[in-house]
Amino acid sequence: MKLSPCLIASDADVVATRLAELATQALVDEVHLSPKPGLVDARGSGAHQDLTLALMERSANSLTPIFHRLAIAGWQRPADSALRQEVGRIGREGEQRMMAATAGVNTHRGAIWAMGLLVTAVAMQGGNATPSSSCALAAQLAQLPDHASPKVFSKGLRATQRYQVPGAREEAQQGFPHVMQRALPQLWHSRSQGASESAAQIDALMAIMTTLSDTCVLSRGGLTALNAMQQGAAEVLHAGGYQHPAGQAALVRLEQRLLASNASPGGAADLLAAALFLDRATAR
């Protein structure tokens, strides 16, 4: 039976509304997750002077209409240049909404990039997606040029060039390996071992941090801080994860090292939110 255009449009809106809500909730849940070393959480502002929990929440909620528009734009469409241009335009409008909501503070620029691609990718599959298929489609989009993108030399780009490491753009173009190979497997494993949901999410964050070249950390503390982040996160997991007292003690030591360098793993936080979204929006 052939569906009418009105019914198809209705289905798209229902799924887009759900995806936008899930994406926003993933950002809110990430910021509330505690304790996160160097990051804004329910305890305080971490290594940041200009960020608060309330500001991060306001930023996340301001992006719900943007995620909805991205889902509508991507609904059952192929990964082509036309969609890439539209995603880029909507994403830049999302940055403007974020800046308006935060009075000019960059709270979620990296998350708009990662989450925006993944929301679009899930919608491209009509809402019937898996994590791997969604990351693969997001990679196809990220590999296409966005000719209207402004040539802005951001702190993250400076760090990738100075230290010759991959950044957020490369992470997306490679199909989000830190989501697929680190965060989601660790999240599912920790849950299977009886960890609480918050402990499992902290473990997933640690898994990302063990190998990510986090440009937020590099920008603030250089290679010394990045090495401390990667080693400290590995120690948390080697101690059994956050559900074990030894893992909790290791996380305290990690936080002390990051705060001493004024470093905050914002890139890892963005990827954790992306993993939480895929965990909820797709079928394993």
C-alpha atoms as a PDB file:
ATOM      1  CA  MET A   1       0.000   0.000   0.000  1.00  0.00           C
ATOM      2  CA  LYS A   2       1.313   3.426  -0.946  1.00  0.00           C
ATOM      3  CA  LEU A   3       1.364   5.890   1.942  1.00  0.00           C
ATOM      4  CA  SER A   4      -0.073   9.332   1.379  1.00  0.00           C
ATOM      5  CA  PRO A   5       2.314  12.322   1.594  1.00  0.00           C
ATOM      6  CA  CYS A   6       0.427  13.592   4.654  1.00  0.00           C
ATOM      7  CA  LEU A   7       0.933  10.310   6.500  1.00  0.00           C
ATOM      8  CA  ILE A   8       4.621  10.257   5.585  1.00  0.00           C
ATOM      9  CA  ALA A   9       5.005  13.824   6.819  1.00  0.00           C
ATOM     10  CA  SER A  10       3.235  12.924  10.052  1.00  0.00           C
ATOM     11  CA  ASP A  11       5.561   9.971  10.618  1.00  0.00           C
ATOM     12  CA  ALA A  12       8.575  12.190  10.006  1.00  0.00           C
ATOM     13  CA  ASP A  13       7.397  14.757  12.531  1.00  0.00           C
ATOM     14  CA  VAL A  14       6.698  12.124  15.197  1.00  0.00           C
ATOM     15  CA  VAL A  15      10.145  10.604  14.815  1.00  0.00           C
ATOM     16  CA  ALA A  16      11.842  14.000  14.561  1.00  0.00           C
ATOM     17  CA  THR A  17      10.157  15.141  17.770  1.00  0.00           C
ATOM     18  CA  ARG A  18      11.338  12.009  19.549  1.00  0.00           C
ATOM     19  CA  LEU A  19      14.884  12.304  18.249  1.00  0.00           C
ATOM     20  CA  ALA A  20      15.089  15.978  19.237  1.00  0.00           C
ATOM     21  CA  GLU A  21      13.898  15.167  22.735  1.00  0.00           C
ATOM     22  CA  LEU A  22      16.371  12.293  23.074  1.00  0.00           C
ATOM     23  CA  ALA A  23      19.262  14.422  21.831  1.00  0.00           C
ATOM     24  CA  THR A  24      18.439  17.233  24.230  1.00  0.00           C
ATOM     25  CA  GLN A  25      18.011  14.817  27.135  1.00  0.00           C
ATOM     26  CA  ALA A  26      21.374  13.217  26.367  1.00  0.00           C
ATOM     27  CA  LEU A  27      23.048  16.631  26.654  1.00  0.00           C
ATOM     28  CA  VAL A  28      21.209  17.378  29.905  1.00  0.00           C
ATOM     29  CA  ASP A  29      22.034  13.962  31.362  1.00  0.00           C
ATOM     30  CA  GLU A  30      25.702  14.371  30.437  1.00  0.00           C
ATOM     31  CA  VAL A  31      26.017  17.674  32.254  1.00  0.00           C
ATOM     32  CA  HIS A  32      24.225  16.342  35.358  1.00  0.00           C
ATOM     33  CA  LEU A  33      26.344  13.176  35.495  1.00  0.00           C
ATOM     34  CA  SER A  34      28.620  13.378  38.529  1.00  0.00           C
ATOM     35  CA  PRO A  35      31.467  13.239  39.298  1.00  0.00           C
ATOM     36  CA  LYS A  36      33.143  14.157  36.015  1.00  0.00           C
ATOM     37  CA  PRO A  37      36.790  15.236  36.326  1.00  0.00           C
ATOM     38  CA  GLY A  38      37.362  18.824  35.238  1.00  0.00           C
ATOM     39  CA  LEU A  39      33.875  19.157  33.765  1.00  0.00           C
ATOM     40  CA  VAL A  40      30.721  20.971  34.798  1.00  0.00           C
ATOM     41  CA  ASP A  41      28.505  18.619  36.792  1.00  0.00           C
ATOM     42  CA  ALA A  42      26.073  18.641  39.705  1.00  0.00           C
ATOM     43  CA  ARG A  43      28.935  19.504  42.082  1.00  0.00           C
ATOM     44  CA  GLY A  44      30.175  22.631  40.366  1.00  0.00           C
ATOM     45  CA  SER A  45      31.954  24.147  37.362  1.00  0.00           C
ATOM     46  CA  GLY A  46      35.075  21.980  37.300  1.00  0.00           C
ATOM     47  CA  ALA A  47      37.950  23.725  35.534  1.00  0.00           C
ATOM     48  CA  HIS A  48      35.637  26.346  34.001  1.00  0.00           C
ATOM     49  CA  GLN A  49      35.162  29.920  35.128  1.00  0.00           C
ATOM     50  CA  ASP A  50      32.384  30.834  32.691  1.00  0.00           C
ATOM     51  CA  LEU A  51      30.177  27.717  32.803  1.00  0.00           C
ATOM     52  CA  THR A  52      27.521  26.578  35.256  1.00  0.00           C
ATOM     53  CA  LEU A  53      25.058  23.725  35.407  1.00  0.00           C
ATOM     54  CA  ALA A  54      22.139  26.096  34.770  1.00  0.00           C
ATOM     55  CA  LEU A  55      23.889  27.652  31.770  1.00  0.00           C
ATOM     56  CA  MET A  56      24.631  24.242  30.256  1.00  0.00           C
ATOM     57  CA  GLU A  57      21.018  23.174  30.752  1.00  0.00           C
ATOM     58  CA  ARG A  58      19.733  26.346  29.129  1.00  0.00           C
ATOM     59  CA  SER A  59      22.067  25.798  26.208  1.00  0.00           C
ATOM     60  CA  ALA A  60      20.952  22.186  25.721  1.00  0.00           C
ATOM     61  CA  ASN A  61      17.264  23.069  25.805  1.00  0.00           C
ATOM     62  CA  SER A  62      17.769  25.864  23.286  1.00  0.00           C
ATOM     63  CA  LEU A  63      18.908  23.257  20.746  1.00  0.00           C
ATOM     64  CA  THR A  64      15.762  21.095  20.721  1.00  0.00           C
ATOM     65  CA  PRO A  65      14.226  22.920  17.710  1.00  0.00           C
ATOM     66  CA  ILE A  66      17.538  22.605  15.852  1.00  0.00           C
ATOM     67  CA  PHE A  67      17.682  18.852  16.371  1.00  0.00           C
ATOM     68  CA  HIS A  68      14.069  18.625  15.201  1.00  0.00           C
ATOM     69  CA  ARG A  69      14.876  20.539  12.014  1.00  0.00           C
ATOM     70  CA  LEU A  70      17.914  18.342  11.363  1.00  0.00           C
ATOM     71  CA  ALA A  71      15.802  15.214  11.722  1.00  0.00           C
ATOM     72  CA  ILE A  72      13.191  16.582   9.316  1.00  0.00           C
ATOM     73  CA  ALA A  73      15.909  17.582   6.869  1.00  0.00           C
ATOM     74  CA  GLY A  74      17.438  14.125   6.937  1.00  0.00           C
ATOM     75  CA  TRP A  75      14.226  12.104   6.892  1.00  0.00           C
ATOM     76  CA  GLN A  76      14.778   9.142   4.544  1.00  0.00           C
ATOM     77  CA  ARG A  77      17.273  11.080   2.413  1.00  0.00           C
ATOM     78  CA  PRO A  78      20.633   9.912   1.019  1.00  0.00           C
ATOM     79  CA  ALA A  79      23.964  11.303   2.162  1.00  0.00           C
ATOM     80  CA  ASP A  80      24.603  13.802  -0.611  1.00  0.00           C
ATOM     81  CA  SER A  81      25.980  17.307  -1.001  1.00  0.00           C
ATOM     82  CA  ALA A  82      22.552  18.923  -0.811  1.00  0.00           C
ATOM     83  CA  LEU A  83      21.850  17.383   2.582  1.00  0.00           C
ATOM     84  CA  ARG A  84      25.361  18.243   3.789  1.00  0.00           C
ATOM     85  CA  GLN A  85      24.831  21.907   2.920  1.00  0.00           C
ATOM     86  CA  GLU A  86      21.465  21.932   4.696  1.00  0.00           C
ATOM     87  CA  VAL A  87      22.890  20.250   7.792  1.00  0.00           C
ATOM     88  CA  GLY A  88      25.687  22.813   7.899  1.00  0.00           C
ATOM     89  CA  ARG A  89      23.283  25.720   7.606  1.00  0.00           C
ATOM     90  CA  ILE A  90      20.981  24.404  10.338  1.00  0.00           C
ATOM     91  CA  GLY A  91      23.973  23.661  12.543  1.00  0.00           C
ATOM     92  CA  ARG A  92      25.242  27.224  12.243  1.00  0.00           C
ATOM     93  CA  GLU A  93      21.793  28.497  13.161  1.00  0.00           C
ATOM     94  CA  GLY A  94      22.025  26.191  16.167  1.00  0.00           C
ATOM     95  CA  GLU A  95      25.274  27.862  17.193  1.00  0.00           C
ATOM     96  CA  GLN A  96      23.548  31.235  17.002  1.00  0.00           C
ATOM     97  CA  ARG A  97      20.693  29.971  19.204  1.00  0.00           C
ATOM     98  CA  MET A  98      23.203  28.573  21.672  1.00  0.00           C
ATOM     99  CA  MET A  99      25.116  31.857  21.842  1.00  0.00           C
ATOM    100  CA  ALA A 100      21.887  33.799  22.330  1.00  0.00           C
ATOM    101  CA  ALA A 101      20.844  31.485  25.163  1.00  0.00           C
ATOM    102  CA  THR A 102      24.218  31.727  26.911  1.00  0.00           C
ATOM    103  CA  ALA A 103      25.027  35.398  26.302  1.00  0.00           C
ATOM    104  CA  GLY A 104      27.925  34.480  24.063  1.00  0.00           C
ATOM    105  CA  VAL A 105      29.462  31.562  25.960  1.00  0.00           C
ATOM    106  CA  ASN A 106      30.435  28.520  23.892  1.00  0.00           C
ATOM    107  CA  THR A 107      28.762  25.654  25.728  1.00  0.00           C
ATOM    108  CA  HIS A 108      27.853  23.091  23.065  1.00  0.00           C
ATOM    109  CA  ARG A 109      29.511  23.924  19.731  1.00  0.00           C
ATOM    110  CA  GLY A 110      31.216  20.538  19.562  1.00  0.00           C
ATOM    111  CA  ALA A 111      28.042  18.771  20.623  1.00  0.00           C
ATOM    112  CA  ILE A 112      26.028  20.506  17.888  1.00  0.00           C
ATOM    113  CA  TRP A 113      28.443  19.044  15.331  1.00  0.00           C
ATOM    114  CA  ALA A 114      28.469  15.486  16.679  1.00  0.00           C
ATOM    115  CA  MET A 115      24.868  15.250  17.846  1.00  0.00           C
ATOM    116  CA  GLY A 116      23.562  17.067  14.792  1.00  0.00           C
ATOM    117  CA  LEU A 117      25.200  14.586  12.434  1.00  0.00           C
ATOM    118  CA  LEU A 118      23.905  11.605  14.402  1.00  0.00           C
ATOM    119  CA  VAL A 119      20.345  12.921  14.698  1.00  0.00           C
ATOM    120  CA  THR A 120      20.349  13.464  10.951  1.00  0.00           C
ATOM    121  CA  ALA A 121      21.796  10.000  10.327  1.00  0.00           C
ATOM    122  CA  VAL A 122      19.141   8.245  12.413  1.00  0.00           C
ATOM    123  CA  ALA A 123      16.412  10.182  10.599  1.00  0.00           C
ATOM    124  CA  MET A 124      17.924   9.262   7.242  1.00  0.00           C
ATOM    125  CA  GLN A 125      17.030   5.669   8.111  1.00  0.00           C
ATOM    126  CA  GLY A 126      13.438   6.537   8.899  1.00  0.00           C
ATOM    127  CA  GLY A 127      14.107   6.141  12.589  1.00  0.00           C
ATOM    128  CA  ASN A 128      14.950   2.434  12.176  1.00  0.00           C
ATOM    129  CA  ALA A 129      18.659   2.550  12.883  1.00  0.00           C
ATOM    130  CA  THR A 130      21.502   0.876  14.704  1.00  0.00           C
ATOM    131  CA  PRO A 131      24.481   2.641  16.281  1.00  0.00           C
ATOM    132  CA  SER A 132      26.859   1.321  13.615  1.00  0.00           C
ATOM    133  CA  SER A 133      24.643   2.255  10.655  1.00  0.00           C
ATOM    134  CA  SER A 134      24.058   5.714  12.108  1.00  0.00           C
ATOM    135  CA  CYS A 135      27.761   6.380  12.667  1.00  0.00           C
ATOM    136  CA  ALA A 136      28.529   5.169   9.157  1.00  0.00           C
ATOM    137  CA  LEU A 137      25.986   7.533   7.604  1.00  0.00           C
ATOM    138  CA  ALA A 138      27.171  10.392   9.814  1.00  0.00           C
ATOM    139  CA  ALA A 139      30.687   9.731   8.539  1.00  0.00           C
ATOM    140  CA  GLN A 140      29.498   9.921   4.938  1.00  0.00           C
ATOM    141  CA  LEU A 141      27.939  13.315   5.635  1.00  0.00           C
ATOM    142  CA  ALA A 142      30.987  14.589   7.524  1.00  0.00           C
ATOM    143  CA  GLN A 143      33.269  13.640   4.633  1.00  0.00           C
ATOM    144  CA  LEU A 144      31.318  15.858   2.224  1.00  0.00           C
ATOM    145  CA  PRO A 145      32.393  19.510   1.886  1.00  0.00           C
ATOM    146  CA  ASP A 146      30.318  22.332   3.306  1.00  0.00           C
ATOM    147  CA  HIS A 147      31.168  25.218   1.002  1.00  0.00           C
ATOM    148  CA  ALA A 148      29.292  27.762   3.113  1.00  0.00           C
ATOM    149  CA  SER A 149      31.170  26.916   6.294  1.00  0.00           C
ATOM    150  CA  PRO A 150      33.059  29.957   7.626  1.00  0.00           C
ATOM    151  CA  LYS A 151      36.833  29.572   7.776  1.00  0.00           C
ATOM    152  CA  VAL A 152      37.133  30.012  11.530  1.00  0.00           C
ATOM    153  CA  PHE A 153      40.431  29.066  13.181  1.00  0.00           C
ATOM    154  CA  SER A 154      39.022  27.714  16.439  1.00  0.00           C
ATOM    155  CA  LYS A 155      40.938  26.644  19.539  1.00  0.00           C
ATOM    156  CA  GLY A 156      40.243  23.029  18.656  1.00  0.00           C
ATOM    157  CA  LEU A 157      41.634  23.453  15.159  1.00  0.00           C
ATOM    158  CA  ARG A 158      44.708  25.193  16.528  1.00  0.00           C
ATOM    159  CA  ALA A 159      45.281  22.243  18.852  1.00  0.00           C
ATOM    160  CA  THR A 160      44.886  19.657  16.098  1.00  0.00           C
ATOM    161  CA  GLN A 161      47.418  21.483  13.938  1.00  0.00           C
ATOM    162  CA  ARG A 162      49.884  22.251  16.704  1.00  0.00           C
ATOM    163  CA  TYR A 163      49.961  18.733  18.100  1.00  0.00           C
ATOM    164  CA  GLN A 164      49.184  16.915  14.832  1.00  0.00           C
ATOM    165  CA  VAL A 165      46.261  14.947  16.290  1.00  0.00           C
ATOM    166  CA  PRO A 166      42.741  14.221  15.010  1.00  0.00           C
ATOM    167  CA  GLY A 167      39.963  16.486  16.227  1.00  0.00           C
ATOM    168  CA  ALA A 168      36.172  16.544  16.232  1.00  0.00           C
ATOM    169  CA  ARG A 169      35.951  16.704  12.438  1.00  0.00           C
ATOM    170  CA  GLU A 170      38.150  13.635  12.000  1.00  0.00           C
ATOM    171  CA  GLU A 171      36.248  11.757  14.711  1.00  0.00           C
ATOM    172  CA  ALA A 172      33.031  12.228  12.736  1.00  0.00           C
ATOM    173  CA  GLN A 173      34.633  11.475   9.374  1.00  0.00           C
ATOM    174  CA  GLN A 174      35.959   8.191  10.789  1.00  0.00           C
ATOM    175  CA  GLY A 175      32.504   7.139  11.994  1.00  0.00           C
ATOM    176  CA  PHE A 176      32.842   8.133  15.665  1.00  0.00           C
ATOM    177  CA  PRO A 177      35.269   5.371  16.735  1.00  0.00           C
ATOM    178  CA  HIS A 178      35.304   6.598  20.335  1.00  0.00           C
ATOM    179  CA  VAL A 179      31.543   6.163  20.473  1.00  0.00           C
ATOM    180  CA  MET A 180      31.403   2.812  18.704  1.00  0.00           C
ATOM    181  CA  GLN A 181      34.577   1.187  20.006  1.00  0.00           C
ATOM    182  CA  ARG A 182      34.897   2.781  23.448  1.00  0.00           C
ATOM    183  CA  ALA A 183      31.834   4.425  24.950  1.00  0.00           C
ATOM    184  CA  LEU A 184      28.988   2.106  23.942  1.00  0.00           C
ATOM    185  CA  PRO A 185      30.826  -1.199  24.606  1.00  0.00           C
ATOM    186  CA  GLN A 186      31.924   0.061  28.028  1.00  0.00           C
ATOM    187  CA  LEU A 187      28.450   1.388  28.856  1.00  0.00           C
ATOM    188  CA  TRP A 188      26.863  -1.950  28.025  1.00  0.00           C
ATOM    189  CA  HIS A 189      29.591  -3.955  29.777  1.00  0.00           C
ATOM    190  CA  SER A 190      29.356  -1.953  33.006  1.00  0.00           C
ATOM    191  CA  ARG A 191      25.590  -2.341  33.053  1.00  0.00           C
ATOM    192  CA  SER A 192      25.977  -6.104  32.569  1.00  0.00           C
ATOM    193  CA  GLN A 193      28.329  -6.180  35.550  1.00  0.00           C
ATOM    194  CA  GLY A 194      25.698  -4.659  37.823  1.00  0.00           C
ATOM    195  CA  ALA A 195      26.916  -1.054  37.828  1.00  0.00           C
ATOM    196  CA  SER A 196      24.354   1.656  38.450  1.00  0.00           C
ATOM    197  CA  GLU A 197      23.372   3.694  35.416  1.00  0.00           C
ATOM    198  CA  SER A 198      25.412   6.683  36.554  1.00  0.00           C
ATOM    199  CA  ALA A 199      28.460   4.487  37.253  1.00  0.00           C
ATOM    200  CA  ALA A 200      28.114   2.863  33.825  1.00  0.00           C
ATOM    201  CA  GLN A 201      27.979   6.295  32.178  1.00  0.00           C
ATOM    202  CA  ILE A 202      31.065   7.445  34.094  1.00  0.00           C
ATOM    203  CA  ASP A 203      32.863   4.288  32.950  1.00  0.00           C
ATOM    204  CA  ALA A 204      31.846   5.082  29.362  1.00  0.00           C
ATOM    205  CA  LEU A 205      33.316   8.564  29.758  1.00  0.00           C
ATOM    206  CA  MET A 206      36.536   7.050  31.101  1.00  0.00           C
ATOM    207  CA  ALA A 207      36.692   4.674  28.139  1.00  0.00           C
ATOM    208  CA  ILE A 208      36.543   7.631  25.744  1.00  0.00           C
ATOM    209  CA  MET A 209      39.193   9.506  27.702  1.00  0.00           C
ATOM    210  CA  THR A 210      41.691   6.626  27.600  1.00  0.00           C
ATOM    211  CA  THR A 211      42.522   7.240  23.933  1.00  0.00           C
ATOM    212  CA  LEU A 212      40.848  10.477  22.783  1.00  0.00           C
ATOM    213  CA  SER A 213      43.116  13.340  21.701  1.00  0.00           C
ATOM    214  CA  ASP A 214      40.798  15.790  23.421  1.00  0.00           C
ATOM    215  CA  THR A 215      41.521  19.194  21.920  1.00  0.00           C
ATOM    216  CA  CYS A 216      39.848  20.929  24.875  1.00  0.00           C
ATOM    217  CA  VAL A 217      42.452  19.375  27.171  1.00  0.00           C
ATOM    218  CA  LEU A 218      45.282  20.072  24.733  1.00  0.00           C
ATOM    219  CA  SER A 219      44.231  23.715  24.394  1.00  0.00           C
ATOM    220  CA  ARG A 220      44.284  24.217  28.147  1.00  0.00           C
ATOM    221  CA  GLY A 221      47.063  21.957  29.397  1.00  0.00           C
ATOM    222  CA  GLY A 222      49.044  20.637  26.444  1.00  0.00           C
ATOM    223  CA  LEU A 223      50.396  17.116  26.063  1.00  0.00           C
ATOM    224  CA  THR A 224      51.139  16.801  29.786  1.00  0.00           C
ATOM    225  CA  ALA A 225      47.470  17.227  30.646  1.00  0.00           C
ATOM    226  CA  LEU A 226      46.379  14.938  27.802  1.00  0.00           C
ATOM    227  CA  ASN A 227      48.694  12.155  28.961  1.00  0.00           C
ATOM    228  CA  ALA A 228      47.448  12.596  32.529  1.00  0.00           C
ATOM    229  CA  MET A 229      43.855  12.346  31.308  1.00  0.00           C
ATOM    230  CA  GLN A 230      44.444   9.199  29.282  1.00  0.00           C
ATOM    231  CA  GLN A 231      46.495   7.454  31.965  1.00  0.00           C
ATOM    232  CA  GLY A 232      44.166   8.471  34.791  1.00  0.00           C
ATOM    233  CA  ALA A 233      41.046   7.313  32.949  1.00  0.00           C
ATOM    234  CA  ALA A 234      42.691   3.958  32.239  1.00  0.00           C
ATOM    235  CA  GLU A 235      43.480   3.609  35.937  1.00  0.00           C
ATOM    236  CA  VAL A 236      39.809   4.073  36.806  1.00  0.00           C
ATOM    237  CA  LEU A 237      38.800   1.255  34.473  1.00  0.00           C
ATOM    238  CA  HIS A 238      41.684  -0.999  35.514  1.00  0.00           C
ATOM    239  CA  ALA A 239      40.473  -0.615  39.096  1.00  0.00           C
ATOM    240  CA  GLY A 240      37.108  -2.071  38.099  1.00  0.00           C
ATOM    241  CA  GLY A 241      35.329   1.129  37.124  1.00  0.00           C
ATOM    242  CA  TYR A 242      33.467   3.673  39.185  1.00  0.00           C
ATOM    243  CA  GLN A 243      31.277   1.104  40.916  1.00  0.00           C
ATOM    244  CA  HIS A 244      34.351  -0.056  42.917  1.00  0.00           C
ATOM    245  CA  PRO A 245      36.007   1.994  45.695  1.00  0.00           C
ATOM    246  CA  ALA A 246      39.402   1.673  44.000  1.00  0.00           C
ATOM    247  CA  GLY A 247      37.921   3.098  40.807  1.00  0.00           C
ATOM    248  CA  GLN A 248      36.408   5.982  42.730  1.00  0.00           C
ATOM    249  CA  ALA A 249      39.778   6.732  44.328  1.00  0.00           C
ATOM    250  CA  ALA A 250      41.440   6.648  40.918  1.00  0.00           C
ATOM    251  CA  LEU A 251      38.884   9.117  39.579  1.00  0.00           C
ATOM    252  CA  VAL A 252      39.637  11.508  42.457  1.00  0.00           C
ATOM    253  CA  ARG A 253      43.333  11.376  41.523  1.00  0.00           C
ATOM    254  CA  LEU A 254      42.470  11.987  37.873  1.00  0.00           C
ATOM    255  CA  GLU A 255      40.391  15.018  38.755  1.00  0.00           C
ATOM    256  CA  GLN A 256      43.194  16.464  40.864  1.00  0.00           C
ATOM    257  CA  ARG A 257      45.604  16.160  37.933  1.00  0.00           C
ATOM    258  CA  LEU A 258      43.208  17.804  35.490  1.00  0.00           C
ATOM    259  CA  LEU A 259      42.322  20.650  37.821  1.00  0.00           C
ATOM    260  CA  ALA A 260      46.005  21.286  38.466  1.00  0.00           C
ATOM    261  CA  SER A 261      46.383  21.802  34.703  1.00  0.00           C
ATOM    262  CA  ASN A 262      43.103  23.746  34.436  1.00  0.00           C
ATOM    263  CA  ALA A 263      42.067  21.121  31.890  1.00  0.00           C
ATOM    264  CA  SER A 264      38.562  19.969  31.039  1.00  0.00           C
ATOM    265  CA  PRO A 265      37.794  17.045  28.676  1.00  0.00           C
ATOM    266  CA  GLY A 266      34.962  18.761  26.827  1.00  0.00           C
ATOM    267  CA  GLY A 267      35.475  16.696  23.693  1.00  0.00           C
ATOM    268  CA  ALA A 268      35.021  13.497  25.670  1.00  0.00           C
ATOM    269  CA  ALA A 269      31.850  14.907  27.228  1.00  0.00           C
ATOM    270  CA  ASP A 270      30.404  15.647  23.776  1.00  0.00           C
ATOM    271  CA  LEU A 271      31.080  12.076  22.666  1.00  0.00           C
ATOM    272  CA  LEU A 272      29.531  10.661  25.832  1.00  0.00           C
ATOM    273  CA  ALA A 273      26.343  12.607  25.085  1.00  0.00           C
ATOM    274  CA  ALA A 274      26.436  11.234  21.533  1.00  0.00           C
ATOM    275  CA  ALA A 275      26.764   7.698  22.904  1.00  0.00           C
ATOM    276  CA  LEU A 276      23.841   8.198  25.274  1.00  0.00           C
ATOM    277  CA  PHE A 277      21.737   9.426  22.366  1.00  0.00           C
ATOM    278  CA  LEU A 278      22.553   6.418  20.185  1.00  0.00           C
ATOM    279  CA  ASP A 279      21.965   4.051  23.093  1.00  0.00           C
ATOM    280  CA  ARG A 280      18.419   5.379  23.421  1.00  0.00           C
ATOM    281  CA  ALA A 281      17.532   6.227  19.817  1.00  0.00           C
ATOM    282  CA  THR A 282      18.685   3.066  18.043  1.00  0.00           C
ATOM    283  CA  ALA A 283      18.374  -0.702  18.272  1.00  0.00           C
ATOM    284  CA  ARG A 284      21.373  -2.869  19.090  1.00  0.00           C
END
